[in-house]
Amino acid sequence: MKKFLPLLLSLLYFSTTNAQEEAIFSHYTINPMLVNPAATGFDEENHNVFLNLRSAWTGFPGAPNTYSINYNGPIGKNLGIGALLYSENIGSLTRYRAQLSYAINFQAGDYKFGAGLSTELHRLQLDNGALLANPELVDAGDFILADFTNGDSQFDASIGGYGEYKDQVYFGIAFPNLVRRRLLKIENFNPKFNFIANVGAKFSFPDKGIKLNPSLMVRQALNTPLLTDLNILASFLQEQLITGLTYRLGSGGAMGLSLGTKYNAIRVLYSYEVFLGDFQQYSGGTHEISINFAIQRKMDPGAKTKSF
């Protein structure tokens, strides 16, 4: 039976294949560009490079392994640009994603705002060897599976808005899957309205070297139930110690613990999550690690975000 599980997992994944990558990573708390293109280049003092690895449902055959590398940084006075390469293996299915993000930022009194757009190319490919090894699971002449063994590519786009107040409160909303959702409507499906909204606050106690960052995220991705994340991220000793907790509501629920550190311009964050539903008994939980390289920008006198 074990040899069938990776293929069965892949076939099941076809039904939700558009849903996961928009907000699969938990480390959007340190890299909001993962879920909102308007956050691209919002840090006007640094160019940021992120490496991310996520291994979900460890110990379960064919469980997802996800990898990404992305960059975002400011260009000129008001522009931000970003790029992301993403790969995910689940069972016999491999997903690739390439994304370019663009944002414009401006200042209005104590508020700073950003508006962004991402253009994305998604490609899905099924390992033909898995189908040949398990012919009893495949109907002869199944053109959908045949297409996916050759690779299926789709274009998509997202838009978003992001803002901060006095560098103390931040908020954002993004609308993913604009193209794929429209295509589903044309095909007489009626997908739910998709959005990712978040709000958070930053509390700093410089004399004690402590920072606190509570946040809330609500997301309705394509073909998935409504999910709500409650997060708290804290750093001590000038970010030499970083820790955090996440509690997820919806789809059975989940709980996560984060630990990390920062040394000069390098920040590392590791998270471990457990699913609160019955499926957790079949897996060893989910591991995620991010490495952030912050490259300080050479600031010109006129490079600050333009004010209105």
C-alpha atoms as a PDB file:
ATOM      1  CA  MET A   1       0.000   0.000   0.000  1.00  0.00           C
ATOM      2  CA  LYS A   2       2.853   2.403   0.785  1.00  0.00           C
ATOM      3  CA  LYS A   3       3.984   2.533  -2.848  1.00  0.00           C
ATOM      4  CA  PHE A   4       0.506   3.798  -3.826  1.00  0.00           C
ATOM      5  CA  LEU A   5       0.411   6.637  -1.288  1.00  0.00           C
ATOM      6  CA  PRO A   6       2.608   9.182  -3.153  1.00  0.00           C
ATOM      7  CA  LEU A   7       0.528   8.777  -6.319  1.00  0.00           C
ATOM      8  CA  LEU A   8      -2.775   8.897  -4.434  1.00  0.00           C
ATOM      9  CA  LEU A   9      -1.622  12.038  -2.670  1.00  0.00           C
ATOM     10  CA  SER A  10      -0.748  13.593  -6.023  1.00  0.00           C
ATOM     11  CA  LEU A  11      -4.118  12.698  -7.547  1.00  0.00           C
ATOM     12  CA  LEU A  12      -5.906  14.142  -4.517  1.00  0.00           C
ATOM     13  CA  TYR A  13      -3.775  17.267  -4.811  1.00  0.00           C
ATOM     14  CA  PHE A  14      -5.194  17.975  -8.283  1.00  0.00           C
ATOM     15  CA  SER A  15      -8.461  18.991  -6.624  1.00  0.00           C
ATOM     16  CA  THR A  16      -6.741  21.707  -4.557  1.00  0.00           C
ATOM     17  CA  THR A  17      -3.701  22.368  -6.715  1.00  0.00           C
ATOM     18  CA  ASN A  18      -4.357  26.092  -7.087  1.00  0.00           C
ATOM     19  CA  ALA A  19      -4.864  26.734  -3.421  1.00  0.00           C
ATOM     20  CA  GLN A  20      -1.729  26.211  -1.472  1.00  0.00           C
ATOM     21  CA  GLU A  21       1.151  28.319  -2.671  1.00  0.00           C
ATOM     22  CA  GLU A  22      -0.393  31.750  -2.077  1.00  0.00           C
ATOM     23  CA  ALA A  23       0.129  31.513   1.671  1.00  0.00           C
ATOM     24  CA  ILE A  24       1.781  28.185   2.351  1.00  0.00           C
ATOM     25  CA  PHE A  25       4.745  29.660   4.226  1.00  0.00           C
ATOM     26  CA  SER A  26       4.400  30.697   7.855  1.00  0.00           C
ATOM     27  CA  HIS A  27       7.301  33.151   7.729  1.00  0.00           C
ATOM     28  CA  TYR A  28       5.331  35.950   6.105  1.00  0.00           C
ATOM     29  CA  THR A  29       5.754  37.551   9.543  1.00  0.00           C
ATOM     30  CA  ILE A  30       9.319  38.456   8.530  1.00  0.00           C
ATOM     31  CA  ASN A  31       8.747  38.507   4.757  1.00  0.00           C
ATOM     32  CA  PRO A  32       5.307  39.976   3.938  1.00  0.00           C
ATOM     33  CA  MET A  33       6.079  39.921   0.200  1.00  0.00           C
ATOM     34  CA  LEU A  34       5.251  36.184   0.337  1.00  0.00           C
ATOM     35  CA  VAL A  35       1.566  37.071   0.629  1.00  0.00           C
ATOM     36  CA  ASN A  36       1.298  40.686  -0.567  1.00  0.00           C
ATOM     37  CA  PRO A  37       3.048  42.207  -3.608  1.00  0.00           C
ATOM     38  CA  ALA A  38       2.539  45.714  -2.179  1.00  0.00           C
ATOM     39  CA  ALA A  39       5.166  44.937   0.498  1.00  0.00           C
ATOM     40  CA  THR A  40       7.811  44.738  -2.235  1.00  0.00           C
ATOM     41  CA  GLY A  41      10.577  47.231  -1.486  1.00  0.00           C
ATOM     42  CA  PHE A  42       8.709  48.612   1.525  1.00  0.00           C
ATOM     43  CA  ASP A  43      11.914  48.413   3.563  1.00  0.00           C
ATOM     44  CA  GLU A  44      13.584  51.374   1.892  1.00  0.00           C
ATOM     45  CA  GLU A  45      16.853  50.933   3.787  1.00  0.00           C
ATOM     46  CA  ASN A  46      17.702  47.380   2.679  1.00  0.00           C
ATOM     47  CA  HIS A  47      17.685  44.949  -0.199  1.00  0.00           C
ATOM     48  CA  ASN A  48      16.422  41.634   1.204  1.00  0.00           C
ATOM     49  CA  VAL A  49      17.142  38.103   0.028  1.00  0.00           C
ATOM     50  CA  PHE A  50      15.220  35.197   1.598  1.00  0.00           C
ATOM     51  CA  LEU A  51      15.905  31.462   1.337  1.00  0.00           C
ATOM     52  CA  ASN A  52      13.050  29.280   2.566  1.00  0.00           C
ATOM     53  CA  LEU A  53      12.531  25.549   3.065  1.00  0.00           C
ATOM     54  CA  ARG A  54       9.307  24.001   4.333  1.00  0.00           C
ATOM     55  CA  SER A  55       8.825  20.277   4.956  1.00  0.00           C
ATOM     56  CA  ALA A  56       5.204  19.481   5.778  1.00  0.00           C
ATOM     57  CA  TRP A  57       3.699  16.323   7.306  1.00  0.00           C
ATOM     58  CA  THR A  58       7.141  14.781   7.885  1.00  0.00           C
ATOM     59  CA  GLY A  59       7.153  10.991   7.974  1.00  0.00           C
ATOM     60  CA  PHE A  60       4.098  10.673   5.714  1.00  0.00           C
ATOM     61  CA  PRO A  61       4.914   9.147   2.282  1.00  0.00           C
ATOM     62  CA  GLY A  62       4.916  11.732  -0.490  1.00  0.00           C
ATOM     63  CA  ALA A  63       4.478  14.685   1.894  1.00  0.00           C
ATOM     64  CA  PRO A  64       5.139  18.178   0.483  1.00  0.00           C
ATOM     65  CA  ASN A  65       8.623  19.699   0.417  1.00  0.00           C
ATOM     66  CA  THR A  66       8.698  23.340  -0.617  1.00  0.00           C
ATOM     67  CA  TYR A  67      11.649  25.558  -1.528  1.00  0.00           C
ATOM     68  CA  SER A  68      11.843  29.211  -2.470  1.00  0.00           C
ATOM     69  CA  ILE A  69      14.316  32.006  -3.023  1.00  0.00           C
ATOM     70  CA  ASN A  70      13.170  35.582  -3.352  1.00  0.00           C
ATOM     71  CA  TYR A  71      14.499  39.100  -3.456  1.00  0.00           C
ATOM     72  CA  ASN A  72      12.836  42.435  -2.920  1.00  0.00           C
ATOM     73  CA  GLY A  73      14.216  45.916  -2.571  1.00  0.00           C
ATOM     74  CA  PRO A  74      13.702  49.610  -3.290  1.00  0.00           C
ATOM     75  CA  ILE A  75      14.525  51.186  -6.623  1.00  0.00           C
ATOM     76  CA  GLY A  76      14.846  54.971  -6.778  1.00  0.00           C
ATOM     77  CA  LYS A  77      12.577  57.126  -4.614  1.00  0.00           C
ATOM     78  CA  ASN A  78       9.226  55.353  -4.762  1.00  0.00           C
ATOM     79  CA  LEU A  79       9.548  52.014  -6.512  1.00  0.00           C
ATOM     80  CA  GLY A  80      10.041  48.474  -5.257  1.00  0.00           C
ATOM     81  CA  ILE A  81      10.810  45.383  -7.292  1.00  0.00           C
ATOM     82  CA  GLY A  82      10.923  41.724  -6.329  1.00  0.00           C
ATOM     83  CA  ALA A  83      11.366  38.244  -7.779  1.00  0.00           C
ATOM     84  CA  LEU A  84      10.524  34.788  -6.474  1.00  0.00           C
ATOM     85  CA  LEU A  85      11.361  31.246  -7.601  1.00  0.00           C
ATOM     86  CA  TYR A  86       9.346  28.471  -5.959  1.00  0.00           C
ATOM     87  CA  SER A  87       9.358  24.697  -6.208  1.00  0.00           C
ATOM     88  CA  GLU A  88       7.207  22.135  -4.426  1.00  0.00           C
ATOM     89  CA  ASN A  89       7.265  18.340  -4.569  1.00  0.00           C
ATOM     90  CA  ILE A  90       4.249  16.410  -3.305  1.00  0.00           C
ATOM     91  CA  GLY A  91       3.992  12.740  -4.097  1.00  0.00           C
ATOM     92  CA  SER A  92       4.622  12.414  -7.821  1.00  0.00           C
ATOM     93  CA  LEU A  93       3.612  16.001  -8.571  1.00  0.00           C
ATOM     94  CA  THR A  94       6.040  18.901  -8.943  1.00  0.00           C
ATOM     95  CA  ARG A  95       4.947  22.517  -8.969  1.00  0.00           C
ATOM     96  CA  TYR A  96       7.078  25.420 -10.163  1.00  0.00           C
ATOM     97  CA  ARG A  97       6.329  29.099  -9.811  1.00  0.00           C
ATOM     98  CA  ALA A  98       8.154  32.170 -11.065  1.00  0.00           C
ATOM     99  CA  GLN A  99       6.951  35.583  -9.920  1.00  0.00           C
ATOM    100  CA  LEU A 100       7.863  39.208 -10.512  1.00  0.00           C
ATOM    101  CA  SER A 101       6.478  41.855  -8.156  1.00  0.00           C
ATOM    102  CA  TYR A 102       6.264  45.606  -8.566  1.00  0.00           C
ATOM    103  CA  ALA A 103       5.190  48.249  -6.058  1.00  0.00           C
ATOM    104  CA  ILE A 104       4.972  52.007  -5.731  1.00  0.00           C
ATOM    105  CA  ASN A 105       5.342  53.603  -2.281  1.00  0.00           C
ATOM    106  CA  PHE A 106       4.443  57.055  -1.012  1.00  0.00           C
ATOM    107  CA  GLN A 107       4.274  58.960   2.272  1.00  0.00           C
ATOM    108  CA  ALA A 108       1.244  60.881   3.554  1.00  0.00           C
ATOM    109  CA  GLY A 109       1.973  62.509   6.889  1.00  0.00           C
ATOM    110  CA  ASP A 110       2.612  59.771   9.448  1.00  0.00           C
ATOM    111  CA  TYR A 111       1.361  57.109   7.043  1.00  0.00           C
ATOM    112  CA  LYS A 112       3.322  55.213   4.434  1.00  0.00           C
ATOM    113  CA  PHE A 113       1.437  53.329   1.720  1.00  0.00           C
ATOM    114  CA  GLY A 114       2.319  50.866  -0.993  1.00  0.00           C
ATOM    115  CA  ALA A 115       0.361  49.507  -3.948  1.00  0.00           C
ATOM    116  CA  GLY A 116       1.656  46.420  -5.728  1.00  0.00           C
ATOM    117  CA  LEU A 117       1.146  43.941  -8.542  1.00  0.00           C
ATOM    118  CA  SER A 118       2.649  40.511  -9.133  1.00  0.00           C
ATOM    119  CA  THR A 119       2.750  38.582 -12.408  1.00  0.00           C
ATOM    120  CA  GLU A 120       3.190  34.844 -12.034  1.00  0.00           C
ATOM    121  CA  LEU A 121       3.852  31.751 -14.145  1.00  0.00           C
ATOM    122  CA  HIS A 122       2.788  28.420 -12.627  1.00  0.00           C
ATOM    123  CA  ARG A 123       3.753  25.021 -13.991  1.00  0.00           C
ATOM    124  CA  LEU A 124       2.582  21.600 -12.780  1.00  0.00           C
ATOM    125  CA  GLN A 125       4.094  18.307 -13.873  1.00  0.00           C
ATOM    126  CA  LEU A 126       3.239  14.719 -12.911  1.00  0.00           C
ATOM    127  CA  ASP A 127       5.865  11.992 -12.901  1.00  0.00           C
ATOM    128  CA  ASN A 128       4.904   9.604 -15.677  1.00  0.00           C
ATOM    129  CA  GLY A 129       6.820   6.796 -13.978  1.00  0.00           C
ATOM    130  CA  ALA A 130       4.373   6.804 -11.072  1.00  0.00           C
ATOM    131  CA  LEU A 131       1.444   6.257 -13.449  1.00  0.00           C
ATOM    132  CA  LEU A 132       3.210   3.419 -15.279  1.00  0.00           C
ATOM    133  CA  ALA A 133       4.020   1.758 -11.954  1.00  0.00           C
ATOM    134  CA  ASN A 134       0.375   1.936 -10.789  1.00  0.00           C
ATOM    135  CA  PRO A 135      -1.810   1.408 -13.906  1.00  0.00           C
ATOM    136  CA  GLU A 136      -4.734   0.157 -11.796  1.00  0.00           C
ATOM    137  CA  LEU A 137      -5.208   3.699 -10.452  1.00  0.00           C
ATOM    138  CA  VAL A 138      -5.437   5.331 -13.880  1.00  0.00           C
ATOM    139  CA  ASP A 139      -8.209   5.207 -16.460  1.00  0.00           C
ATOM    140  CA  ALA A 140      -6.946   4.513 -19.968  1.00  0.00           C
ATOM    141  CA  GLY A 141      -7.100   7.616 -22.145  1.00  0.00           C
ATOM    142  CA  ASP A 142      -7.405  10.044 -19.232  1.00  0.00           C
ATOM    143  CA  PHE A 143      -6.489  13.242 -21.087  1.00  0.00           C
ATOM    144  CA  ILE A 144      -6.181  15.314 -17.880  1.00  0.00           C
ATOM    145  CA  LEU A 145      -3.435  13.075 -16.500  1.00  0.00           C
ATOM    146  CA  ALA A 146      -1.797  12.946 -19.925  1.00  0.00           C
ATOM    147  CA  ASP A 147      -1.663  16.746 -20.024  1.00  0.00           C
ATOM    148  CA  PHE A 148      -0.101  16.944 -16.584  1.00  0.00           C
ATOM    149  CA  THR A 149       2.601  14.393 -17.411  1.00  0.00           C
ATOM    150  CA  ASN A 150       3.631  16.733 -20.248  1.00  0.00           C
ATOM    151  CA  GLY A 151       3.447  19.738 -17.913  1.00  0.00           C
ATOM    152  CA  ASP A 152       0.660  22.286 -17.566  1.00  0.00           C
ATOM    153  CA  SER A 153       1.471  26.009 -17.410  1.00  0.00           C
ATOM    154  CA  GLN A 154      -0.793  28.829 -16.265  1.00  0.00           C
ATOM    155  CA  PHE A 155      -0.404  32.570 -15.936  1.00  0.00           C
ATOM    156  CA  ASP A 156      -1.748  34.407 -12.910  1.00  0.00           C
ATOM    157  CA  ALA A 157      -1.625  37.810 -11.223  1.00  0.00           C
ATOM    158  CA  SER A 158      -2.220  39.350  -7.800  1.00  0.00           C
ATOM    159  CA  ILE A 159      -2.685  42.892  -6.536  1.00  0.00           C
ATOM    160  CA  GLY A 160      -2.415  44.352  -3.051  1.00  0.00           C
ATOM    161  CA  GLY A 161      -2.128  47.326  -0.773  1.00  0.00           C
ATOM    162  CA  TYR A 162       0.150  47.718   2.237  1.00  0.00           C
ATOM    163  CA  GLY A 163       0.633  50.467   4.821  1.00  0.00           C
ATOM    164  CA  GLU A 164       2.299  51.581   8.038  1.00  0.00           C
ATOM    165  CA  TYR A 165       1.553  54.223  10.638  1.00  0.00           C
ATOM    166  CA  LYS A 166       4.606  55.760  12.352  1.00  0.00           C
ATOM    167  CA  ASP A 167       6.450  52.452  11.867  1.00  0.00           C
ATOM    168  CA  GLN A 168       4.297  51.114  14.723  1.00  0.00           C
ATOM    169  CA  VAL A 169       1.165  49.694  13.087  1.00  0.00           C
ATOM    170  CA  TYR A 170       1.045  47.920   9.728  1.00  0.00           C
ATOM    171  CA  PHE A 171      -1.830  46.593   7.653  1.00  0.00           C
ATOM    172  CA  GLY A 172      -2.372  45.082   4.241  1.00  0.00           C
ATOM    173  CA  ILE A 173      -4.759  43.309   1.921  1.00  0.00           C
ATOM    174  CA  ALA A 174      -4.017  41.308  -1.201  1.00  0.00           C
ATOM    175  CA  PHE A 175      -6.193  39.672  -3.851  1.00  0.00           C
ATOM    176  CA  PRO A 176      -4.491  36.568  -5.304  1.00  0.00           C
ATOM    177  CA  ASN A 177      -5.485  34.282  -8.199  1.00  0.00           C
ATOM    178  CA  LEU A 178      -7.090  37.045 -10.244  1.00  0.00           C
ATOM    179  CA  VAL A 179      -6.571  35.227 -13.553  1.00  0.00           C
ATOM    180  CA  ARG A 180      -7.164  31.634 -12.463  1.00  0.00           C
ATOM    181  CA  ARG A 181     -10.278  32.597 -10.533  1.00  0.00           C
ATOM    182  CA  ARG A 182     -11.633  34.328 -13.636  1.00  0.00           C
ATOM    183  CA  LEU A 183     -10.905  31.252 -15.762  1.00  0.00           C
ATOM    184  CA  LEU A 184     -12.813  29.056 -13.318  1.00  0.00           C
ATOM    185  CA  LYS A 185     -15.820  31.384 -13.619  1.00  0.00           C
ATOM    186  CA  ILE A 186     -15.653  31.094 -17.405  1.00  0.00           C
ATOM    187  CA  GLU A 187     -15.698  27.290 -16.961  1.00  0.00           C
ATOM    188  CA  ASN A 188     -18.940  27.656 -14.930  1.00  0.00           C
ATOM    189  CA  PHE A 189     -17.315  27.173 -11.528  1.00  0.00           C
ATOM    190  CA  ASN A 190     -18.076  29.636  -8.773  1.00  0.00           C
ATOM    191  CA  PRO A 191     -14.938  29.923  -6.593  1.00  0.00           C
ATOM    192  CA  LYS A 192     -15.042  31.885  -3.364  1.00  0.00           C
ATOM    193  CA  PHE A 193     -13.787  35.449  -3.219  1.00  0.00           C
ATOM    194  CA  ASN A 194     -10.046  35.290  -2.514  1.00  0.00           C
ATOM    195  CA  PHE A 195      -8.171  37.642  -0.215  1.00  0.00           C
ATOM    196  CA  ILE A 196      -5.315  37.766   2.291  1.00  0.00           C
ATOM    197  CA  ALA A 197      -5.626  40.468   4.971  1.00  0.00           C
ATOM    198  CA  ASN A 198      -3.294  41.189   7.846  1.00  0.00           C
ATOM    199  CA  VAL A 199      -2.762  43.730  10.592  1.00  0.00           C
ATOM    200  CA  GLY A 200      -0.071  43.988  13.248  1.00  0.00           C
ATOM    201  CA  ALA A 201       1.762  46.237  15.662  1.00  0.00           C
ATOM    202  CA  LYS A 202       5.396  46.816  16.628  1.00  0.00           C
ATOM    203  CA  PHE A 203       6.357  47.554  20.213  1.00  0.00           C
ATOM    204  CA  SER A 204       9.963  48.435  20.955  1.00  0.00           C
ATOM    205  CA  PHE A 205      11.728  48.770  24.326  1.00  0.00           C
ATOM    206  CA  PRO A 206      15.240  49.919  23.333  1.00  0.00           C
ATOM    207  CA  ASP A 207      16.588  50.181  26.866  1.00  0.00           C
ATOM    208  CA  LYS A 208      15.761  46.493  27.436  1.00  0.00           C
ATOM    209  CA  GLY A 209      16.584  45.304  23.900  1.00  0.00           C
ATOM    210  CA  ILE A 210      13.086  43.862  23.463  1.00  0.00           C
ATOM    211  CA  LYS A 211      10.728  44.014  20.475  1.00  0.00           C
ATOM    212  CA  LEU A 212       7.200  42.592  20.309  1.00  0.00           C
ATOM    213  CA  ASN A 213       5.217  42.049  17.131  1.00  0.00           C
ATOM    214  CA  PRO A 214       1.649  40.693  17.535  1.00  0.00           C
ATOM    215  CA  SER A 215      -0.262  40.211  14.284  1.00  0.00           C
ATOM    216  CA  LEU A 216      -3.407  38.745  12.763  1.00  0.00           C
ATOM    217  CA  MET A 217      -3.880  37.285   9.303  1.00  0.00           C
ATOM    218  CA  VAL A 218      -7.140  36.185   7.653  1.00  0.00           C
ATOM    219  CA  ARG A 219      -6.943  34.427   4.296  1.00  0.00           C
ATOM    220  CA  GLN A 220      -9.325  32.856   1.825  1.00  0.00           C
ATOM    221  CA  ALA A 221      -7.206  31.261  -0.898  1.00  0.00           C
ATOM    222  CA  LEU A 222      -8.536  29.483  -3.950  1.00  0.00           C
ATOM    223  CA  ASN A 223     -10.478  26.295  -3.100  1.00  0.00           C
ATOM    224  CA  THR A 224      -9.537  26.359   0.597  1.00  0.00           C
ATOM    225  CA  PRO A 225     -11.468  27.083   3.787  1.00  0.00           C
ATOM    226  CA  LEU A 226     -11.152  30.387   5.596  1.00  0.00           C
ATOM    227  CA  LEU A 227      -8.020  30.410   7.783  1.00  0.00           C
ATOM    228  CA  THR A 228      -7.079  32.818  10.577  1.00  0.00           C
ATOM    229  CA  ASP A 229      -3.579  33.070  12.073  1.00  0.00           C
ATOM    230  CA  LEU A 230      -2.873  34.651  15.448  1.00  0.00           C
ATOM    231  CA  ASN A 231       0.864  35.423  15.734  1.00  0.00           C
ATOM    232  CA  ILE A 232       3.225  36.845  18.296  1.00  0.00           C
ATOM    233  CA  LEU A 233       6.895  37.353  17.413  1.00  0.00           C
ATOM    234  CA  ALA A 234       9.311  38.588  20.079  1.00  0.00           C
ATOM    235  CA  SER A 235      13.020  39.390  20.028  1.00  0.00           C
ATOM    236  CA  PHE A 236      15.439  39.894  22.902  1.00  0.00           C
ATOM    237  CA  LEU A 237      19.039  41.067  23.332  1.00  0.00           C
ATOM    238  CA  GLN A 238      18.929  43.181  20.153  1.00  0.00           C
ATOM    239  CA  GLU A 239      17.429  40.275  18.158  1.00  0.00           C
ATOM    240  CA  GLN A 240      20.087  37.791  19.240  1.00  0.00           C
ATOM    241  CA  LEU A 241      17.146  35.661  20.388  1.00  0.00           C
ATOM    242  CA  ILE A 242      13.908  35.541  18.389  1.00  0.00           C
ATOM    243  CA  THR A 243      10.899  33.479  19.395  1.00  0.00           C
ATOM    244  CA  GLY A 244       7.252  33.325  18.444  1.00  0.00           C
ATOM    245  CA  LEU A 245       3.941  31.481  18.588  1.00  0.00           C
ATOM    246  CA  THR A 246       1.248  30.942  15.957  1.00  0.00           C
ATOM    247  CA  TYR A 247      -2.258  29.595  16.456  1.00  0.00           C
ATOM    248  CA  ARG A 248      -4.276  28.815  13.327  1.00  0.00           C
ATOM    249  CA  LEU A 249      -8.051  28.629  13.234  1.00  0.00           C
ATOM    250  CA  GLY A 250      -9.827  26.732  10.470  1.00  0.00           C
ATOM    251  CA  SER A 251      -9.297  23.431   8.634  1.00  0.00           C
ATOM    252  CA  GLY A 252      -8.645  21.566  11.875  1.00  0.00           C
ATOM    253  CA  GLY A 253      -6.355  24.175  13.384  1.00  0.00           C
ATOM    254  CA  ALA A 254      -2.603  24.230  13.970  1.00  0.00           C
ATOM    255  CA  MET A 255      -0.070  25.454  16.510  1.00  0.00           C
ATOM    256  CA  GLY A 256       3.457  26.600  15.749  1.00  0.00           C
ATOM    257  CA  LEU A 257       6.589  27.572  17.694  1.00  0.00           C
ATOM    258  CA  SER A 258       9.377  29.712  16.198  1.00  0.00           C
ATOM    259  CA  LEU A 259      12.992  30.224  17.259  1.00  0.00           C
ATOM    260  CA  GLY A 260      15.679  32.284  15.577  1.00  0.00           C
ATOM    261  CA  THR A 261      18.550  34.688  15.825  1.00  0.00           C
ATOM    262  CA  LYS A 262      20.144  37.617  14.032  1.00  0.00           C
ATOM    263  CA  TYR A 263      23.861  38.136  13.509  1.00  0.00           C
ATOM    264  CA  ASN A 264      24.856  41.364  11.770  1.00  0.00           C
ATOM    265  CA  ALA A 265      22.879  41.360   8.493  1.00  0.00           C
ATOM    266  CA  ILE A 266      21.818  37.704   8.621  1.00  0.00           C
ATOM    267  CA  ARG A 267      18.613  36.547  10.296  1.00  0.00           C
ATOM    268  CA  VAL A 268      17.587  32.891  10.712  1.00  0.00           C
ATOM    269  CA  LEU A 269      14.131  31.715  11.770  1.00  0.00           C
ATOM    270  CA  TYR A 270      12.975  28.124  12.348  1.00  0.00           C
ATOM    271  CA  SER A 271       9.391  27.029  13.000  1.00  0.00           C
ATOM    272  CA  TYR A 272       7.776  23.760  13.998  1.00  0.00           C
ATOM    273  CA  GLU A 273       4.033  23.269  13.524  1.00  0.00           C
ATOM    274  CA  VAL A 274       1.631  20.554  14.620  1.00  0.00           C
ATOM    275  CA  PHE A 275      -1.777  20.007  13.089  1.00  0.00           C
ATOM    276  CA  LEU A 276      -4.509  19.920  15.720  1.00  0.00           C
ATOM    277  CA  GLY A 277      -6.731  17.574  13.721  1.00  0.00           C
ATOM    278  CA  ASP A 278      -6.703  13.775  13.525  1.00  0.00           C
ATOM    279  CA  PHE A 279      -4.173  13.711  10.670  1.00  0.00           C
ATOM    280  CA  GLN A 280      -1.334  14.720  13.022  1.00  0.00           C
ATOM    281  CA  GLN A 281      -1.091  11.116  14.268  1.00  0.00           C
ATOM    282  CA  TYR A 282       0.174  10.112  10.810  1.00  0.00           C
ATOM    283  CA  SER A 283       2.951  12.693  10.567  1.00  0.00           C
ATOM    284  CA  GLY A 284       5.799  14.219  12.544  1.00  0.00           C
ATOM    285  CA  GLY A 285       4.632  17.798  12.081  1.00  0.00           C
ATOM    286  CA  THR A 286       5.885  20.544   9.781  1.00  0.00           C
ATOM    287  CA  HIS A 287       9.316  22.180   9.769  1.00  0.00           C
ATOM    288  CA  GLU A 288      10.144  25.523   8.164  1.00  0.00           C
ATOM    289  CA  ILE A 289      13.372  27.494   8.053  1.00  0.00           C
ATOM    290  CA  SER A 290      14.110  30.914   6.553  1.00  0.00           C
ATOM    291  CA  ILE A 291      17.437  32.683   6.108  1.00  0.00           C
ATOM    292  CA  ASN A 292      17.305  36.430   5.474  1.00  0.00           C
ATOM    293  CA  PHE A 293      20.224  38.437   4.092  1.00  0.00           C
ATOM    294  CA  ALA A 294      19.719  42.189   4.463  1.00  0.00           C
ATOM    295  CA  ILE A 295      22.000  44.227   2.215  1.00  0.00           C
ATOM    296  CA  GLN A 296      22.043  47.842   3.300  1.00  0.00           C
ATOM    297  CA  ARG A 297      21.122  50.278   0.588  1.00  0.00           C
ATOM    298  CA  LYS A 298      23.363  53.197  -0.246  1.00  0.00           C
ATOM    299  CA  MET A 299      20.959  56.040   0.428  1.00  0.00           C
ATOM    300  CA  ASP A 300      21.016  59.153  -1.727  1.00  0.00           C
ATOM    301  CA  PRO A 301      19.795  62.376  -0.115  1.00  0.00           C
ATOM    302  CA  GLY A 302      16.657  62.278  -2.288  1.00  0.00           C
ATOM    303  CA  ALA A 303      16.038  58.532  -2.054  1.00  0.00           C
ATOM    304  CA  LYS A 304      13.517  58.678   0.795  1.00  0.00           C
ATOM    305  CA  THR A 305       9.930  57.836  -0.083  1.00  0.00           C
ATOM    306  CA  LYS A 306       8.231  60.835  -1.622  1.00  0.00           C
ATOM    307  CA  SER A 307       5.755  62.664   0.616  1.00  0.00           C
ATOM    308  CA  PHE A 308       2.439  64.142  -0.385  1.00  0.00           C
END
